[in-house]
Amino acid sequence: MKKILVIQNKRIGDVLIASLIATNIKKIIPNSRVDYMVYDYTTGVLENNPAIDRIIPLNEKELKKIPTLIKTVWEVRKAQYDIIFDPYAKFQSRVISLFSKAPIRVGYKKTDKNPVLNFYTHNVTFLKEKTKPCGKSIEDRVHLVNAAFPLEAPIYTPKIHLTATEKKYSKLKAYDKPVVMFGVLGSTPQKSMPYEYIVALIDYVTTHFEVNILFNYAPDQKVEVTKIYNACKHQDAIIFDVYEASIRGFIALMNQCQLLIANEGGIVHIAKALDKPTFTIFSPYVIKSHWASFEDGQLHTSVHLLDQNPDLFSTSREDRKKIEENPSFFYEQLTPELILEKLSPFLKHHI
C-alpha cells in the first residue's frame, strides 16, 4: 500500500479544492493511504471525505516556529511516505517535502529558474491560463496530479460529504420562506465592501423577495455584523439568532439554505461543493479567472469591478498588491447599483 501525504497549509477554500488531489490519486492508486496535513481551523472541509484516510491538523502560528517545524519534519520522515504532494509550495511545506525522503515529491515550480535545492522530484509549472469551467485554481490542483500520474478522466468538482446527522439539520424548520445565506463581511477587511453598500444589498433582497436572510461571519466579527443588522430596514426578515461558529456547523446550515450571496472566499467554495447556487462579489485585487469556478450565469455567477470598469486598473501583480493594501477606492466604485444589475436576475431565477 502506497502512503501519500498532501501538504496544504492554507485557508479553507484552498484546502477544499486541494481535496481533489486525493479524489484523483485514488483513481490511479486505489489501495493507497492518503493523509492531509492542514491548519487545524480548516479540517472541517475534509472530514467524512472517503478519499482521505487521515487528517493531520497543525497550528498555523506554531508551524512558523523553527522547533515546531523541525519536529514536524521528523514526524513526516518517520512516517515513510512514498509520495508527497505540495500544492502550497511555501517555505514550511518545501522544507517538509525535502527532508521527508519520499521517493516521489510533487510541487509547484514558482519561477523559470531551477530551484537551489531539490525540494521536489517533479517540479510542475502553473498553467498559463484556465481552459476549463472549474477555473484556474482548481485546474492547477488537478494538473499537479496529472503531471506526475497521468489521469484518463480527471475529476474537477470538489465535494463536501455530509453525515446522516448533518443532513437532518433542523434549526431552520421553523421558517417557511426560502433562506438566503449572506456573507456580510470578507475574511479580512480588504475583502469587505463598505457597510452602507452591504446594507443596501440586504435591503433590496428583503424588499423585493419573500425570503429570510442568514448572516455568515467569523465569530470575532459579531460586533461589526451587529452594526450592519441594526442599519437594515427589514430586521424581521433576518434570522439573527441562528449561527454556526464551526465549519461543519456552517456546512450543515448552508445545506438547508436556498442559495449564497457572499464575498469571494471559503464559504463560496463550500456552497458550490454542496451544489447550492452562488452569487460571488470579488475583491478588486483578486484575478477572477483563477477563482470563478463553474460560472454559467445561472447556477453560479459573480461580479467583479474589472467586468464593469476594465479601464480603472491593470491586472498586473504589482497593481494588485497596491490595491490590496488599500482597496477602499475601488470598492466604492463597485456600487450596489452595479452589483444589482447581475444580482437581481440571479435572484429572480432562483427564488
Protein backbone atom coordinates (compact mmCIF):
# COMPACT_ATOMS: atom_id res chain seq x y z
CA MET A 1 0.00 0.00 0.00
CA LYS A 2 1.36 3.39 -1.02
CA LYS A 3 1.45 6.09 1.65
CA ILE A 4 0.67 9.55 0.31
CA LEU A 5 0.82 12.92 2.07
CA VAL A 6 -0.77 16.14 0.81
CA ILE A 7 0.53 19.31 2.49
CA GLN A 8 -1.94 22.18 2.12
CA ASN A 9 -1.29 24.67 4.90
CA LYS A 10 -3.51 27.45 3.71
CA ARG A 11 -7.07 28.72 4.10
CA ILE A 12 -10.43 26.96 3.89
CA GLY A 13 -11.09 27.42 0.17
CA ASP A 14 -7.60 26.27 -0.79
CA VAL A 15 -7.90 23.17 1.39
CA LEU A 16 -11.29 22.25 -0.06
CA ILE A 17 -10.16 22.44 -3.67
CA ALA A 18 -6.95 20.59 -2.76
CA SER A 19 -9.15 17.64 -1.71
CA LEU A 20 -9.30 16.92 -5.45
CA ILE A 21 -5.74 15.64 -5.21
CA ALA A 22 -6.96 12.77 -3.04
CA THR A 23 -10.02 12.20 -5.23
CA ASN A 24 -7.87 11.89 -8.34
CA ILE A 25 -4.87 9.99 -6.96
CA LYS A 26 -7.21 7.35 -5.50
CA LYS A 27 -8.34 6.67 -9.08
CA ILE A 28 -4.73 5.92 -10.05
CA ILE A 29 -3.71 4.14 -6.82
CA PRO A 30 -6.98 2.92 -5.27
CA ASN A 31 -5.37 0.94 -2.44
CA SER A 32 -3.25 3.88 -1.23
CA ARG A 33 -3.48 5.68 2.11
CA VAL A 34 -3.86 9.43 1.69
CA ASP A 35 -3.11 11.77 4.60
CA TYR A 36 -3.70 15.52 4.64
CA MET A 37 -1.59 17.96 6.63
CA VAL A 38 -3.60 21.18 7.07
CA TYR A 39 -4.18 24.01 9.53
CA ASP A 40 -6.48 22.97 12.35
CA TYR A 41 -9.17 25.56 11.54
CA THR A 42 -9.65 24.10 8.02
CA THR A 43 -10.14 20.40 8.78
CA GLY A 44 -13.95 20.62 8.57
CA VAL A 45 -13.99 20.74 4.77
CA LEU A 46 -12.10 17.43 4.61
CA GLU A 47 -13.99 15.46 7.24
CA ASN A 48 -16.05 12.48 6.04
CA ASN A 49 -14.31 12.56 2.64
CA PRO A 50 -13.99 8.90 1.53
CA ALA A 51 -10.78 9.62 -0.42
CA ILE A 52 -8.94 10.94 2.66
CA ASP A 53 -7.78 8.43 5.26
CA ARG A 54 -6.27 10.69 7.90
CA ILE A 55 -6.21 14.42 8.66
CA ILE A 56 -3.14 15.82 10.41
CA PRO A 57 -4.07 19.21 11.95
CA LEU A 58 -1.37 21.81 12.59
CA ASN A 59 -1.45 25.15 14.37
CA GLU A 60 -0.59 27.95 11.94
CA LYS A 61 1.39 30.09 14.38
CA GLU A 62 3.25 27.12 15.87
CA LEU A 63 4.34 25.75 12.50
CA LYS A 64 6.12 29.03 11.77
CA LYS A 65 8.38 28.40 14.78
CA ILE A 66 11.60 26.59 13.85
CA PRO A 67 11.42 23.97 16.69
CA THR A 68 7.86 23.02 15.66
CA LEU A 69 8.87 22.84 12.01
CA ILE A 70 11.82 20.57 12.84
CA LYS A 71 9.56 18.30 14.91
CA THR A 72 7.04 18.14 12.06
CA VAL A 73 9.78 17.31 9.55
CA TRP A 74 10.98 14.48 11.78
CA GLU A 75 7.45 13.05 12.19
CA VAL A 76 6.85 13.12 8.44
CA ARG A 77 10.19 11.46 7.81
CA LYS A 78 9.42 8.69 10.33
CA ALA A 79 6.08 8.04 8.61
CA GLN A 80 8.00 7.00 5.45
CA TYR A 81 5.65 8.39 2.82
CA ASP A 82 6.05 7.14 -0.74
CA ILE A 83 4.53 10.21 -2.39
CA ILE A 84 4.14 13.83 -1.26
CA PHE A 85 2.05 16.49 -2.99
CA ASP A 86 2.72 20.09 -2.07
CA PRO A 87 0.15 22.44 -3.68
CA TYR A 88 1.17 25.18 -1.24
CA ALA A 89 4.89 25.33 -2.11
CA LYS A 90 5.93 27.77 0.62
CA PHE A 91 8.91 27.67 2.97
CA GLN A 92 7.48 25.27 5.58
CA SER A 93 5.94 22.82 3.14
CA ARG A 94 9.04 22.83 0.93
CA VAL A 95 11.27 22.01 3.88
CA ILE A 96 8.93 19.20 4.99
CA SER A 97 8.93 17.80 1.44
CA LEU A 98 12.71 17.99 1.03
CA PHE A 99 13.60 16.20 4.27
CA SER A 100 10.78 13.64 4.09
CA LYS A 101 12.93 11.42 1.86
CA ALA A 102 9.80 10.43 -0.03
CA PRO A 103 10.84 8.90 -3.39
CA ILE A 104 8.23 10.99 -5.24
CA ARG A 105 7.69 14.63 -4.27
CA VAL A 106 5.40 16.73 -6.45
CA GLY A 107 5.21 20.52 -6.09
CA TYR A 108 4.96 23.76 -7.99
CA LYS A 109 7.90 25.42 -9.68
CA LYS A 110 7.38 29.11 -8.94
CA THR A 111 9.84 30.61 -11.46
CA ASP A 112 11.55 29.68 -14.71
CA LYS A 113 14.79 29.14 -12.80
CA ASN A 114 15.72 25.79 -11.33
CA PRO A 115 15.38 25.76 -7.52
CA VAL A 116 18.55 25.85 -5.43
CA LEU A 117 17.53 22.68 -3.57
CA ASN A 118 15.74 19.62 -4.92
CA PHE A 119 12.57 20.14 -2.94
CA TYR A 120 10.61 18.05 -5.45
CA THR A 121 11.32 15.19 -7.82
CA HIS A 122 8.55 16.60 -10.04
CA ASN A 123 8.62 20.39 -10.48
CA VAL A 124 5.26 21.32 -12.00
CA THR A 125 4.69 24.70 -13.61
CA PHE A 126 1.43 26.59 -13.11
CA LEU A 127 -0.91 26.64 -16.09
CA LYS A 128 -0.68 29.89 -18.04
CA GLU A 129 -4.45 30.32 -18.22
CA LYS A 130 -7.63 28.44 -17.46
CA THR A 131 -9.06 26.08 -20.07
CA LYS A 132 -11.99 24.62 -18.16
CA PRO A 133 -15.13 25.94 -16.40
CA CYS A 134 -13.73 24.97 -13.00
CA GLY A 135 -11.36 27.96 -13.00
CA LYS A 136 -7.58 28.06 -12.99
CA SER A 137 -7.04 27.40 -9.26
CA ILE A 138 -8.89 24.08 -9.39
CA GLU A 139 -7.36 23.19 -12.75
CA ASP A 140 -3.87 23.79 -11.32
CA ARG A 141 -4.50 21.35 -8.43
CA VAL A 142 -5.65 18.60 -10.77
CA HIS A 143 -2.73 19.40 -13.09
CA LEU A 144 -0.37 18.77 -10.16
CA VAL A 145 -1.57 15.15 -10.01
CA ASN A 146 -1.79 14.72 -13.78
CA ALA A 147 1.81 15.90 -14.29
CA ALA A 148 3.16 13.00 -12.21
CA PHE A 149 0.40 10.43 -12.65
CA PRO A 150 -1.46 10.88 -15.98
CA LEU A 151 -5.22 10.81 -15.46
CA GLU A 152 -7.62 9.37 -18.02
CA ALA A 153 -10.72 11.18 -16.76
CA PRO A 154 -9.77 13.83 -14.17
CA ILE A 155 -12.35 14.95 -11.60
CA TYR A 156 -12.60 18.73 -11.29
CA THR A 157 -15.53 19.14 -8.91
CA PRO A 158 -14.78 19.32 -5.14
CA LYS A 159 -17.43 17.77 -2.91
CA ILE A 160 -18.45 18.19 0.71
CA HIS A 161 -19.53 14.91 2.27
CA LEU A 162 -22.23 15.26 4.92
CA THR A 163 -23.05 12.79 7.66
CA ALA A 164 -26.60 11.48 8.11
CA THR A 165 -27.00 13.73 11.17
CA GLU A 166 -25.81 16.82 9.26
CA LYS A 167 -28.35 16.16 6.53
CA LYS A 168 -31.12 16.31 9.15
CA TYR A 169 -30.09 19.76 10.45
CA SER A 170 -33.26 21.25 11.95
CA LYS A 171 -32.61 24.80 13.19
CA LEU A 172 -34.38 26.31 10.16
CA LYS A 173 -37.52 24.18 10.31
CA ALA A 174 -39.50 27.00 11.91
CA TYR A 175 -39.07 29.18 8.80
CA ASP A 176 -41.29 28.55 5.78
CA LYS A 177 -39.67 31.07 3.38
CA PRO A 178 -36.56 30.34 1.32
CA VAL A 179 -33.46 31.13 3.35
CA VAL A 180 -30.66 33.13 1.72
CA MET A 181 -27.22 32.89 3.29
CA PHE A 182 -25.47 36.25 3.12
CA GLY A 183 -21.71 36.51 3.69
CA VAL A 184 -21.82 40.03 5.03
CA LEU A 185 -18.08 40.50 5.60
CA GLY A 186 -14.99 39.11 3.95
CA SER A 187 -12.38 37.06 5.79
CA THR A 188 -10.26 40.23 6.01
CA PRO A 189 -11.11 43.96 5.93
CA GLN A 190 -9.56 44.06 2.43
CA LYS A 191 -12.25 41.62 1.25
CA SER A 192 -15.20 43.56 2.71
CA MET A 193 -17.38 46.14 0.98
CA PRO A 194 -18.39 49.46 2.58
CA TYR A 195 -21.07 48.80 5.22
CA GLU A 196 -23.61 51.09 3.54
CA TYR A 197 -23.28 49.05 0.34
CA ILE A 198 -23.82 45.79 2.24
CA VAL A 199 -26.93 47.22 3.90
CA ALA A 200 -28.26 48.44 0.54
CA LEU A 201 -27.98 44.93 -0.94
CA ILE A 202 -29.66 43.32 2.07
CA ASP A 203 -32.48 45.88 1.98
CA TYR A 204 -33.00 45.23 -1.73
CA VAL A 205 -33.27 41.46 -1.22
CA THR A 206 -35.65 41.70 1.74
CA THR A 207 -37.80 44.34 0.00
CA HIS A 208 -38.24 42.57 -3.34
CA PHE A 209 -38.27 38.89 -2.34
CA GLU A 210 -40.19 36.79 0.18
CA VAL A 211 -37.16 35.34 1.91
CA ASN A 212 -35.36 35.08 5.20
CA ILE A 213 -31.75 36.21 5.46
CA LEU A 214 -29.00 34.49 7.42
CA PHE A 215 -25.69 36.22 8.12
CA ASN A 216 -22.40 34.37 7.90
CA TYR A 217 -19.32 35.87 9.53
CA ALA A 218 -16.36 34.96 11.68
CA PRO A 219 -17.04 34.83 15.45
CA ASP A 220 -14.76 37.83 16.05
CA GLN A 221 -16.81 39.91 13.59
CA LYS A 222 -20.01 39.84 15.67
CA VAL A 223 -19.76 43.47 16.80
CA GLU A 224 -19.35 44.76 13.23
CA VAL A 225 -22.11 42.50 11.91
CA THR A 226 -24.46 43.79 14.61
CA LYS A 227 -23.87 47.30 13.27
CA ILE A 228 -24.93 46.11 9.82
CA TYR A 229 -28.00 44.36 11.24
CA ASN A 230 -29.07 47.49 13.13
CA ALA A 231 -28.85 49.53 9.91
CA CYS A 232 -31.12 47.19 7.91
CA LYS A 233 -34.72 48.20 7.17
CA HIS A 234 -36.38 44.78 7.42
CA GLN A 235 -34.85 43.20 10.50
CA ASP A 236 -37.88 40.91 10.83
CA ALA A 237 -36.69 39.11 7.66
CA ILE A 238 -33.23 38.47 9.15
CA ILE A 239 -32.64 35.35 11.24
CA PHE A 240 -30.11 36.73 13.68
CA ASP A 241 -30.27 34.06 16.39
CA VAL A 242 -29.13 31.11 14.24
CA TYR A 243 -25.38 30.95 13.81
CA GLU A 244 -22.76 28.23 13.48
CA ALA A 245 -19.19 29.01 14.52
CA SER A 246 -17.63 25.74 13.29
CA ILE A 247 -17.04 24.75 9.69
CA ARG A 248 -19.11 21.56 9.98
CA GLY A 249 -21.90 23.54 11.63
CA PHE A 250 -21.86 26.05 8.77
CA ILE A 251 -21.86 23.21 6.24
CA ALA A 252 -24.99 21.66 7.78
CA LEU A 253 -26.65 25.09 7.94
CA MET A 254 -25.69 26.05 4.38
CA ASN A 255 -27.07 22.75 3.14
CA GLN A 256 -30.54 23.86 4.29
CA CYS A 257 -30.35 27.27 2.55
CA GLN A 258 -31.64 28.17 -0.89
CA LEU A 259 -28.52 30.00 -2.10
CA LEU A 260 -25.49 32.05 -1.10
CA ILE A 261 -24.56 35.69 -1.69
CA ALA A 262 -21.04 36.44 -0.45
CA ASN A 263 -17.61 37.92 -0.97
CA GLU A 264 -15.26 35.50 -2.70
CA GLY A 265 -13.79 33.11 -0.15
CA GLY A 266 -14.01 29.71 1.50
CA ILE A 267 -17.79 29.76 2.08
CA VAL A 268 -18.37 30.21 -1.67
CA HIS A 269 -16.38 27.04 -2.37
CA ILE A 270 -18.30 25.21 0.36
CA ALA A 271 -21.67 26.25 -1.11
CA LYS A 272 -20.59 25.12 -4.57
CA ALA A 273 -19.39 21.79 -3.17
CA LEU A 274 -22.91 21.40 -1.74
CA ASP A 275 -24.43 22.19 -5.17
CA LYS A 276 -26.00 25.42 -3.91
CA PRO A 277 -26.43 28.43 -6.25
CA THR A 278 -23.89 31.16 -5.53
CA PHE A 279 -23.54 34.85 -6.28
CA THR A 280 -19.96 35.98 -5.64
CA ILE A 281 -18.70 39.53 -5.11
CA PHE A 282 -14.99 39.58 -5.96
CA SER A 283 -12.42 41.74 -4.24
CA PRO A 284 -10.90 44.13 -6.81
CA TYR A 285 -7.39 42.70 -6.43
CA VAL A 286 -8.40 39.05 -7.00
CA ILE A 287 -7.99 37.63 -10.51
CA LYS A 288 -11.46 36.39 -11.35
CA SER A 289 -10.39 33.72 -13.84
CA HIS A 290 -8.41 31.97 -11.09
CA TRP A 291 -11.25 31.64 -8.59
CA ALA A 292 -14.53 31.98 -10.53
CA SER A 293 -15.34 28.29 -10.70
CA PHE A 294 -18.19 26.68 -12.65
CA GLU A 295 -19.81 30.00 -13.53
CA ASP A 296 -22.57 29.64 -16.11
CA GLY A 297 -24.55 32.83 -15.45
CA GLN A 298 -27.36 30.91 -13.76
CA LEU A 299 -26.33 28.40 -11.10
CA HIS A 300 -23.15 30.30 -10.31
CA THR A 301 -22.44 33.88 -11.25
CA SER A 302 -20.39 36.79 -9.94
CA VAL A 303 -19.48 40.44 -10.19
CA HIS A 304 -16.00 41.96 -10.43
CA LEU A 305 -15.09 45.61 -10.82
CA LEU A 306 -12.94 44.72 -13.83
CA ASP A 307 -16.06 43.44 -15.61
CA GLN A 308 -17.87 46.71 -15.01
CA ASN A 309 -14.98 49.15 -15.43
CA PRO A 310 -11.93 47.48 -17.02
CA ASP A 311 -10.13 50.78 -17.61
CA LEU A 312 -9.71 51.52 -13.89
CA PHE A 313 -6.54 49.46 -13.45
CA SER A 314 -4.50 46.61 -14.89
CA THR A 315 -4.29 43.05 -13.62
CA SER A 316 -0.52 43.11 -13.07
CA ARG A 317 0.79 41.64 -9.82
CA GLU A 318 2.28 44.98 -8.75
CA ASP A 319 -1.00 46.84 -9.30
CA ARG A 320 -2.98 44.20 -7.45
CA LYS A 321 -0.63 44.40 -4.46
CA LYS A 322 -1.15 48.15 -4.29
CA ILE A 323 -4.92 47.71 -4.48
CA GLU A 324 -4.89 45.06 -1.74
CA GLU A 325 -3.05 47.43 0.60
CA ASN A 326 -5.90 49.94 0.32
CA PRO A 327 -8.86 48.72 -1.78
CA SER A 328 -11.39 51.23 -0.41
CA PHE A 329 -11.39 53.48 -3.51
CA PHE A 330 -12.06 50.52 -5.80
CA TYR A 331 -14.79 49.08 -3.55
CA GLU A 332 -16.50 52.45 -3.66
CA GLN A 333 -16.67 52.16 -7.46
CA LEU A 334 -18.39 48.77 -7.16
CA THR A 335 -21.71 50.33 -6.16
CA PRO A 336 -24.87 48.43 -5.18
CA GLU A 337 -26.40 49.52 -8.48
CA LEU A 338 -23.65 47.78 -10.45
CA ILE A 339 -23.95 44.65 -8.31
CA LEU A 340 -27.76 44.56 -8.63
CA GLU A 341 -27.52 44.51 -12.43
CA LYS A 342 -26.40 40.89 -12.03
CA LEU A 343 -27.79 40.02 -8.61
CA SER A 344 -31.41 40.88 -9.42
CA PRO A 345 -31.82 38.45 -12.35
CA PHE A 346 -29.91 35.78 -10.39
CA LEU A 347 -32.41 36.05 -7.51
CA LYS A 348 -35.41 36.08 -9.83
CA HIS A 349 -34.16 32.87 -11.42
CA HIS A 350 -33.71 31.03 -8.12
CA ILE A 351 -36.49 32.43 -5.90
